[in-house]
Amino acid sequence: MKSVDTNILVRYYAQDDPLQSSLALRVFSDEPDLFVTKTVLLEFFWVLTQADKFRFPPEQVMSVFEHLQGLPNIVIENELSFRTAVAWCHAGLEFPDALHLAASAACSAFLTFDDRKFSRRAQRLNLTPICEIPT
């Protein structure tokens, strides 16, 4: 199995570079199994939503993620937490926060200083683990 970097995913989905996009299409069609790490998914989300070249809305990126999950040769690191994060994004969380929280499922709480909005939203949605802001 081979693992793909963020730039392979960007070229595959954005089709914005004739040579590299063609090569990315070939990778996706020729490789029997491709592994995608959570860190690559986080970076991919950032590139698609924050890079000046793209600025896609998060909901559009969730559609890209759902397409990626449906490809038969894709293996996603800790796929259950990834699927959970995508579902929580549809419920209103930002993807990075949702992925951090979903990956912490075995924990009793997720501690954060950064984002009271995230904590309140996660609490309102009754998500676990609970988000706590240390006092």
N, C-alpha and C. Protein backbone atom coordinates (compact mmCIF):
# COMPACT_ATOMS: atom_id res chain seq x y z
N MET A 1 0.86 -1.18 0.00
CA MET A 1 0.00 0.00 0.00
C MET A 1 0.90 1.24 0.00
N LYS A 2 0.45 2.25 -0.73
CA LYS A 2 1.16 3.52 -0.76
C LYS A 2 0.30 4.59 -0.09
N SER A 3 0.98 5.54 0.52
CA SER A 3 0.30 6.66 1.18
C SER A 3 0.41 7.89 0.29
N VAL A 4 -0.61 8.72 0.29
CA VAL A 4 -0.60 9.92 -0.55
C VAL A 4 -0.43 11.18 0.29
N ASP A 5 0.23 12.16 -0.30
CA ASP A 5 0.42 13.45 0.33
C ASP A 5 -0.73 14.38 -0.07
N THR A 6 -0.83 15.46 0.64
CA THR A 6 -1.87 16.46 0.39
C THR A 6 -1.88 16.93 -1.06
N ASN A 7 -0.69 17.15 -1.63
CA ASN A 7 -0.64 17.70 -2.98
C ASN A 7 -1.21 16.73 -4.02
N ILE A 8 -1.13 15.43 -3.76
CA ILE A 8 -1.75 14.44 -4.66
C ILE A 8 -3.27 14.61 -4.62
N LEU A 9 -3.82 14.74 -3.41
CA LEU A 9 -5.27 14.93 -3.27
C LEU A 9 -5.72 16.24 -3.92
N VAL A 10 -4.97 17.30 -3.70
CA VAL A 10 -5.32 18.59 -4.29
C VAL A 10 -5.34 18.49 -5.81
N ARG A 11 -4.31 17.92 -6.40
CA ARG A 11 -4.26 17.82 -7.87
C ARG A 11 -5.38 16.92 -8.39
N TYR A 12 -5.68 15.83 -7.68
CA TYR A 12 -6.74 14.91 -8.10
C TYR A 12 -8.09 15.62 -8.12
N TYR A 13 -8.39 16.37 -7.06
CA TYR A 13 -9.70 16.99 -6.96
C TYR A 13 -9.79 18.35 -7.66
N ALA A 14 -8.75 19.15 -7.60
CA ALA A 14 -8.82 20.49 -8.19
C ALA A 14 -8.57 20.49 -9.69
N GLN A 15 -7.81 19.51 -10.18
CA GLN A 15 -7.48 19.45 -11.61
C GLN A 15 -6.98 20.81 -12.09
N ASP A 16 -6.05 21.37 -11.33
CA ASP A 16 -5.58 22.73 -11.60
C ASP A 16 -4.17 22.80 -12.20
N ASP A 17 -3.56 21.66 -12.41
CA ASP A 17 -2.22 21.62 -13.01
C ASP A 17 -2.24 20.48 -14.03
N PRO A 18 -2.13 20.77 -15.30
CA PRO A 18 -2.30 19.73 -16.32
C PRO A 18 -1.42 18.49 -16.11
N LEU A 19 -0.16 18.68 -15.84
CA LEU A 19 0.73 17.53 -15.69
C LEU A 19 0.47 16.79 -14.38
N GLN A 20 0.51 17.51 -13.26
CA GLN A 20 0.35 16.84 -11.97
C GLN A 20 -1.06 16.28 -11.80
N SER A 21 -2.07 16.96 -12.30
CA SER A 21 -3.43 16.44 -12.20
C SER A 21 -3.58 15.14 -12.97
N SER A 22 -2.97 15.07 -14.13
CA SER A 22 -2.99 13.84 -14.92
C SER A 22 -2.29 12.70 -14.17
N LEU A 23 -1.17 13.00 -13.57
CA LEU A 23 -0.45 11.99 -12.79
C LEU A 23 -1.26 11.55 -11.57
N ALA A 24 -1.92 12.49 -10.92
CA ALA A 24 -2.75 12.14 -9.76
C ALA A 24 -3.90 11.24 -10.18
N LEU A 25 -4.53 11.54 -11.32
CA LEU A 25 -5.60 10.67 -11.82
C LEU A 25 -5.08 9.26 -12.06
N ARG A 26 -3.87 9.16 -12.59
CA ARG A 26 -3.29 7.85 -12.84
C ARG A 26 -3.00 7.12 -11.52
N VAL A 27 -2.51 7.83 -10.53
CA VAL A 27 -2.26 7.22 -9.21
C VAL A 27 -3.56 6.64 -8.66
N PHE A 28 -4.62 7.43 -8.71
CA PHE A 28 -5.90 6.97 -8.16
C PHE A 28 -6.49 5.80 -8.95
N SER A 29 -6.22 5.74 -10.23
CA SER A 29 -6.78 4.64 -11.03
C SER A 29 -5.89 3.41 -11.03
N ASP A 30 -4.58 3.57 -10.89
CA ASP A 30 -3.67 2.44 -11.02
C ASP A 30 -3.31 1.75 -9.71
N GLU A 31 -3.32 2.48 -8.61
CA GLU A 31 -2.91 1.89 -7.34
C GLU A 31 -4.06 1.11 -6.71
N PRO A 32 -3.81 -0.14 -6.31
CA PRO A 32 -4.89 -0.93 -5.73
C PRO A 32 -5.35 -0.42 -4.37
N ASP A 33 -4.46 0.16 -3.59
CA ASP A 33 -4.81 0.70 -2.28
C ASP A 33 -3.98 1.94 -2.01
N LEU A 34 -4.64 2.99 -1.56
CA LEU A 34 -3.97 4.23 -1.19
C LEU A 34 -4.36 4.61 0.23
N PHE A 35 -3.37 4.91 1.04
CA PHE A 35 -3.59 5.27 2.44
C PHE A 35 -3.58 6.77 2.58
N VAL A 36 -4.53 7.32 3.35
CA VAL A 36 -4.60 8.75 3.61
C VAL A 36 -4.58 8.95 5.12
N THR A 37 -3.56 9.68 5.60
CA THR A 37 -3.43 9.93 7.03
C THR A 37 -4.35 11.07 7.47
N LYS A 38 -4.63 11.11 8.78
CA LYS A 38 -5.43 12.20 9.32
C LYS A 38 -4.74 13.55 9.16
N THR A 39 -3.42 13.54 9.27
CA THR A 39 -2.70 14.80 9.12
C THR A 39 -2.82 15.33 7.68
N VAL A 40 -2.79 14.44 6.71
CA VAL A 40 -2.98 14.85 5.31
C VAL A 40 -4.40 15.39 5.13
N LEU A 41 -5.38 14.76 5.74
CA LEU A 41 -6.77 15.24 5.63
C LEU A 41 -6.92 16.63 6.24
N LEU A 42 -6.28 16.87 7.38
CA LEU A 42 -6.33 18.21 7.99
C LEU A 42 -5.71 19.26 7.07
N GLU A 43 -4.55 18.92 6.52
CA GLU A 43 -3.88 19.85 5.63
C GLU A 43 -4.70 20.06 4.35
N PHE A 44 -5.27 19.00 3.83
CA PHE A 44 -6.11 19.08 2.63
C PHE A 44 -7.30 20.01 2.89
N PHE A 45 -7.93 19.88 4.04
CA PHE A 45 -9.03 20.76 4.41
C PHE A 45 -8.55 22.21 4.43
N TRP A 46 -7.40 22.44 5.06
CA TRP A 46 -6.87 23.79 5.14
C TRP A 46 -6.60 24.36 3.74
N VAL A 47 -5.95 23.59 2.89
CA VAL A 47 -5.63 24.07 1.55
C VAL A 47 -6.90 24.44 0.79
N LEU A 48 -7.91 23.59 0.85
CA LEU A 48 -9.13 23.84 0.09
C LEU A 48 -9.95 25.01 0.64
N THR A 49 -9.86 25.25 1.96
CA THR A 49 -10.68 26.32 2.55
C THR A 49 -9.93 27.63 2.77
N GLN A 50 -8.59 27.57 2.89
CA GLN A 50 -7.84 28.76 3.28
C GLN A 50 -6.88 29.28 2.21
N ALA A 51 -6.38 28.41 1.36
CA ALA A 51 -5.41 28.86 0.35
C ALA A 51 -6.08 29.82 -0.62
N ASP A 52 -5.40 30.88 -0.96
CA ASP A 52 -5.98 31.91 -1.84
C ASP A 52 -6.50 31.34 -3.15
N LYS A 53 -5.88 30.29 -3.61
CA LYS A 53 -6.25 29.72 -4.90
C LYS A 53 -7.63 29.06 -4.89
N PHE A 54 -8.09 28.59 -3.72
CA PHE A 54 -9.33 27.82 -3.68
C PHE A 54 -10.44 28.50 -2.88
N ARG A 55 -10.32 28.61 -1.59
CA ARG A 55 -11.32 29.22 -0.71
C ARG A 55 -12.70 28.56 -0.84
N PHE A 56 -12.72 27.22 -0.86
CA PHE A 56 -13.99 26.50 -0.93
C PHE A 56 -14.72 26.58 0.40
N PRO A 57 -16.05 26.63 0.39
CA PRO A 57 -16.79 26.58 1.64
C PRO A 57 -16.63 25.19 2.28
N PRO A 58 -16.63 25.13 3.62
CA PRO A 58 -16.45 23.84 4.30
C PRO A 58 -17.42 22.76 3.84
N GLU A 59 -18.67 23.11 3.54
CA GLU A 59 -19.63 22.10 3.09
C GLU A 59 -19.19 21.46 1.78
N GLN A 60 -18.59 22.23 0.90
CA GLN A 60 -18.09 21.67 -0.36
C GLN A 60 -16.94 20.70 -0.08
N VAL A 61 -16.09 21.04 0.88
CA VAL A 61 -14.99 20.14 1.24
C VAL A 61 -15.53 18.85 1.86
N MET A 62 -16.61 18.95 2.63
CA MET A 62 -17.21 17.74 3.19
C MET A 62 -17.70 16.83 2.06
N SER A 63 -18.22 17.40 0.99
CA SER A 63 -18.63 16.60 -0.17
C SER A 63 -17.42 15.92 -0.81
N VAL A 64 -16.32 16.64 -0.89
CA VAL A 64 -15.07 16.04 -1.41
C VAL A 64 -14.66 14.89 -0.50
N PHE A 65 -14.68 15.10 0.81
CA PHE A 65 -14.32 14.05 1.76
C PHE A 65 -15.22 12.83 1.60
N GLU A 66 -16.51 13.05 1.44
CA GLU A 66 -17.43 11.93 1.28
C GLU A 66 -17.14 11.18 -0.01
N HIS A 67 -16.79 11.90 -1.06
CA HIS A 67 -16.41 11.22 -2.30
C HIS A 67 -15.16 10.38 -2.08
N LEU A 68 -14.17 10.97 -1.42
CA LEU A 68 -12.92 10.27 -1.15
C LEU A 68 -13.18 8.98 -0.36
N GLN A 69 -14.02 9.06 0.65
CA GLN A 69 -14.36 7.88 1.46
C GLN A 69 -15.00 6.78 0.62
N GLY A 70 -15.71 7.17 -0.41
CA GLY A 70 -16.43 6.19 -1.23
C GLY A 70 -15.58 5.52 -2.29
N LEU A 71 -14.36 5.99 -2.50
CA LEU A 71 -13.50 5.35 -3.50
C LEU A 71 -13.04 3.99 -3.00
N PRO A 72 -13.11 2.97 -3.84
CA PRO A 72 -12.85 1.61 -3.37
C PRO A 72 -11.40 1.34 -2.98
N ASN A 73 -10.47 2.12 -3.45
CA ASN A 73 -9.06 1.85 -3.16
C ASN A 73 -8.48 2.78 -2.09
N ILE A 74 -9.33 3.52 -1.39
CA ILE A 74 -8.87 4.46 -0.37
C ILE A 74 -9.03 3.86 1.01
N VAL A 75 -7.94 3.94 1.78
CA VAL A 75 -7.94 3.53 3.18
C VAL A 75 -7.59 4.77 3.99
N ILE A 76 -8.49 5.16 4.88
CA ILE A 76 -8.30 6.36 5.68
C ILE A 76 -7.89 5.97 7.09
N GLU A 77 -6.84 6.61 7.58
CA GLU A 77 -6.39 6.36 8.96
C GLU A 77 -7.54 6.64 9.92
N ASN A 78 -7.79 5.69 10.80
CA ASN A 78 -8.85 5.81 11.80
C ASN A 78 -10.14 6.32 11.15
N GLU A 79 -10.63 5.54 10.20
CA GLU A 79 -11.76 5.97 9.39
C GLU A 79 -13.01 6.29 10.21
N LEU A 80 -13.22 5.56 11.31
CA LEU A 80 -14.40 5.84 12.12
C LEU A 80 -14.37 7.26 12.67
N SER A 81 -13.23 7.70 13.19
CA SER A 81 -13.17 9.07 13.71
C SER A 81 -13.30 10.08 12.57
N PHE A 82 -12.78 9.75 11.40
CA PHE A 82 -12.93 10.64 10.25
C PHE A 82 -14.40 10.76 9.85
N ARG A 83 -15.10 9.63 9.74
CA ARG A 83 -16.53 9.66 9.39
C ARG A 83 -17.34 10.44 10.43
N THR A 84 -16.99 10.23 11.69
CA THR A 84 -17.67 10.95 12.77
C THR A 84 -17.43 12.45 12.64
N ALA A 85 -16.19 12.83 12.36
CA ALA A 85 -15.85 14.25 12.20
C ALA A 85 -16.63 14.88 11.04
N VAL A 86 -16.74 14.17 9.95
CA VAL A 86 -17.50 14.70 8.80
C VAL A 86 -18.96 14.89 9.20
N ALA A 87 -19.53 13.93 9.90
CA ALA A 87 -20.92 14.06 10.36
C ALA A 87 -21.08 15.25 11.30
N TRP A 88 -20.13 15.44 12.20
CA TRP A 88 -20.19 16.56 13.13
C TRP A 88 -20.01 17.89 12.41
N CYS A 89 -19.28 17.90 11.33
CA CYS A 89 -19.17 19.13 10.52
C CYS A 89 -20.52 19.49 9.93
N HIS A 90 -21.24 18.49 9.47
CA HIS A 90 -22.59 18.75 8.95
C HIS A 90 -23.50 19.29 10.05
N ALA A 91 -23.19 18.95 11.31
CA ALA A 91 -23.97 19.43 12.45
C ALA A 91 -23.51 20.80 12.94
N GLY A 92 -22.41 21.32 12.38
CA GLY A 92 -22.01 22.68 12.72
C GLY A 92 -20.62 22.89 13.28
N LEU A 93 -19.86 21.83 13.53
CA LEU A 93 -18.49 22.01 14.00
C LEU A 93 -17.55 22.28 12.84
N GLU A 94 -16.43 22.92 13.13
CA GLU A 94 -15.39 23.08 12.13
C GLU A 94 -14.61 21.77 12.05
N PHE A 95 -14.16 21.41 10.84
CA PHE A 95 -13.54 20.11 10.64
C PHE A 95 -12.37 19.82 11.57
N PRO A 96 -11.39 20.72 11.72
CA PRO A 96 -10.28 20.38 12.62
C PRO A 96 -10.75 20.06 14.04
N ASP A 97 -11.65 20.89 14.58
CA ASP A 97 -12.17 20.63 15.93
C ASP A 97 -12.91 19.30 15.97
N ALA A 98 -13.71 19.04 14.97
CA ALA A 98 -14.48 17.79 14.93
C ALA A 98 -13.56 16.58 14.88
N LEU A 99 -12.50 16.66 14.09
CA LEU A 99 -11.57 15.54 13.99
C LEU A 99 -10.82 15.34 15.30
N HIS A 100 -10.38 16.42 15.93
CA HIS A 100 -9.70 16.30 17.22
C HIS A 100 -10.62 15.63 18.24
N LEU A 101 -11.87 16.07 18.29
CA LEU A 101 -12.82 15.54 19.27
C LEU A 101 -13.15 14.08 18.97
N ALA A 102 -13.40 13.77 17.71
CA ALA A 102 -13.74 12.39 17.34
C ALA A 102 -12.57 11.44 17.61
N ALA A 103 -11.34 11.90 17.39
CA ALA A 103 -10.17 11.06 17.65
C ALA A 103 -9.93 10.86 19.14
N SER A 104 -10.60 11.65 19.98
CA SER A 104 -10.46 11.55 21.43
C SER A 104 -11.59 10.75 22.05
N ALA A 105 -12.26 9.94 21.28
CA ALA A 105 -13.46 9.22 21.74
C ALA A 105 -13.22 8.38 22.99
N ALA A 106 -12.03 7.85 23.17
CA ALA A 106 -11.76 7.00 24.32
C ALA A 106 -11.46 7.80 25.59
N CYS A 107 -11.46 9.11 25.48
CA CYS A 107 -11.11 9.97 26.62
C CYS A 107 -12.38 10.45 27.34
N SER A 108 -12.20 10.88 28.58
CA SER A 108 -13.35 11.36 29.35
C SER A 108 -13.69 12.81 29.03
N ALA A 109 -12.70 13.58 28.54
CA ALA A 109 -12.95 14.98 28.20
C ALA A 109 -11.90 15.43 27.20
N PHE A 110 -12.24 16.49 26.48
CA PHE A 110 -11.32 17.15 25.56
C PHE A 110 -11.09 18.54 26.12
N LEU A 111 -9.86 18.84 26.54
CA LEU A 111 -9.54 20.11 27.17
C LEU A 111 -9.07 21.11 26.11
N THR A 112 -9.60 22.32 26.20
CA THR A 112 -9.22 23.36 25.25
C THR A 112 -9.29 24.74 25.89
N PHE A 113 -8.36 25.61 25.54
CA PHE A 113 -8.43 27.01 25.90
C PHE A 113 -8.96 27.84 24.74
N ASP A 114 -8.88 27.29 23.56
CA ASP A 114 -8.97 28.08 22.35
C ASP A 114 -10.36 28.52 21.94
N ASP A 115 -11.38 27.78 22.21
CA ASP A 115 -12.59 28.04 21.46
C ASP A 115 -13.84 27.77 22.28
N ARG A 116 -14.35 28.79 22.94
CA ARG A 116 -15.59 28.61 23.72
C ARG A 116 -16.77 28.29 22.80
N LYS A 117 -16.76 28.84 21.58
CA LYS A 117 -17.82 28.56 20.62
C LYS A 117 -17.85 27.06 20.30
N PHE A 118 -16.68 26.48 20.04
CA PHE A 118 -16.57 25.05 19.79
C PHE A 118 -17.10 24.25 20.98
N SER A 119 -16.68 24.61 22.18
CA SER A 119 -17.11 23.89 23.39
C SER A 119 -18.62 23.95 23.56
N ARG A 120 -19.18 25.16 23.39
CA ARG A 120 -20.65 25.30 23.53
C ARG A 120 -21.40 24.50 22.46
N ARG A 121 -20.91 24.56 21.23
CA ARG A 121 -21.57 23.84 20.14
C ARG A 121 -21.52 22.32 20.38
N ALA A 122 -20.36 21.82 20.80
CA ALA A 122 -20.22 20.38 21.08
C ALA A 122 -21.12 19.97 22.23
N GLN A 123 -21.22 20.82 23.25
CA GLN A 123 -22.10 20.52 24.38
C GLN A 123 -23.56 20.53 23.93
N ARG A 124 -23.95 21.51 23.13
CA ARG A 124 -25.33 21.60 22.64
C ARG A 124 -25.71 20.38 21.81
N LEU A 125 -24.72 19.85 21.06
CA LEU A 125 -24.96 18.66 20.24
C LEU A 125 -24.84 17.36 21.04
N ASN A 126 -24.48 17.50 22.32
CA ASN A 126 -24.34 16.35 23.22
C ASN A 126 -23.27 15.37 22.73
N LEU A 127 -22.15 15.91 22.24
CA LEU A 127 -21.08 15.09 21.72
C LEU A 127 -20.16 14.62 22.83
N THR A 128 -19.54 13.47 22.60
CA THR A 128 -18.59 12.96 23.57
C THR A 128 -17.27 12.68 22.87
N PRO A 129 -16.18 12.89 23.57
CA PRO A 129 -16.11 13.30 24.97
C PRO A 129 -16.54 14.75 25.12
N ILE A 130 -16.85 15.14 26.36
CA ILE A 130 -17.25 16.51 26.61
C ILE A 130 -16.05 17.43 26.41
N CYS A 131 -16.33 18.66 26.05
CA CYS A 131 -15.28 19.67 25.94
C CYS A 131 -15.25 20.46 27.24
N GLU A 132 -14.07 20.62 27.77
CA GLU A 132 -13.90 21.39 29.00
C GLU A 132 -12.86 22.47 28.79
N ILE A 133 -13.14 23.61 29.39
CA ILE A 133 -12.18 24.69 29.40
C ILE A 133 -11.62 24.76 30.82
N PRO A 134 -10.33 24.48 30.99
CA PRO A 134 -9.76 24.50 32.35
C PRO A 134 -9.92 25.87 32.99
N THR A 135 -10.24 25.86 34.26
CA THR A 135 -10.40 27.12 35.01
C THR A 135 -9.43 27.18 36.15
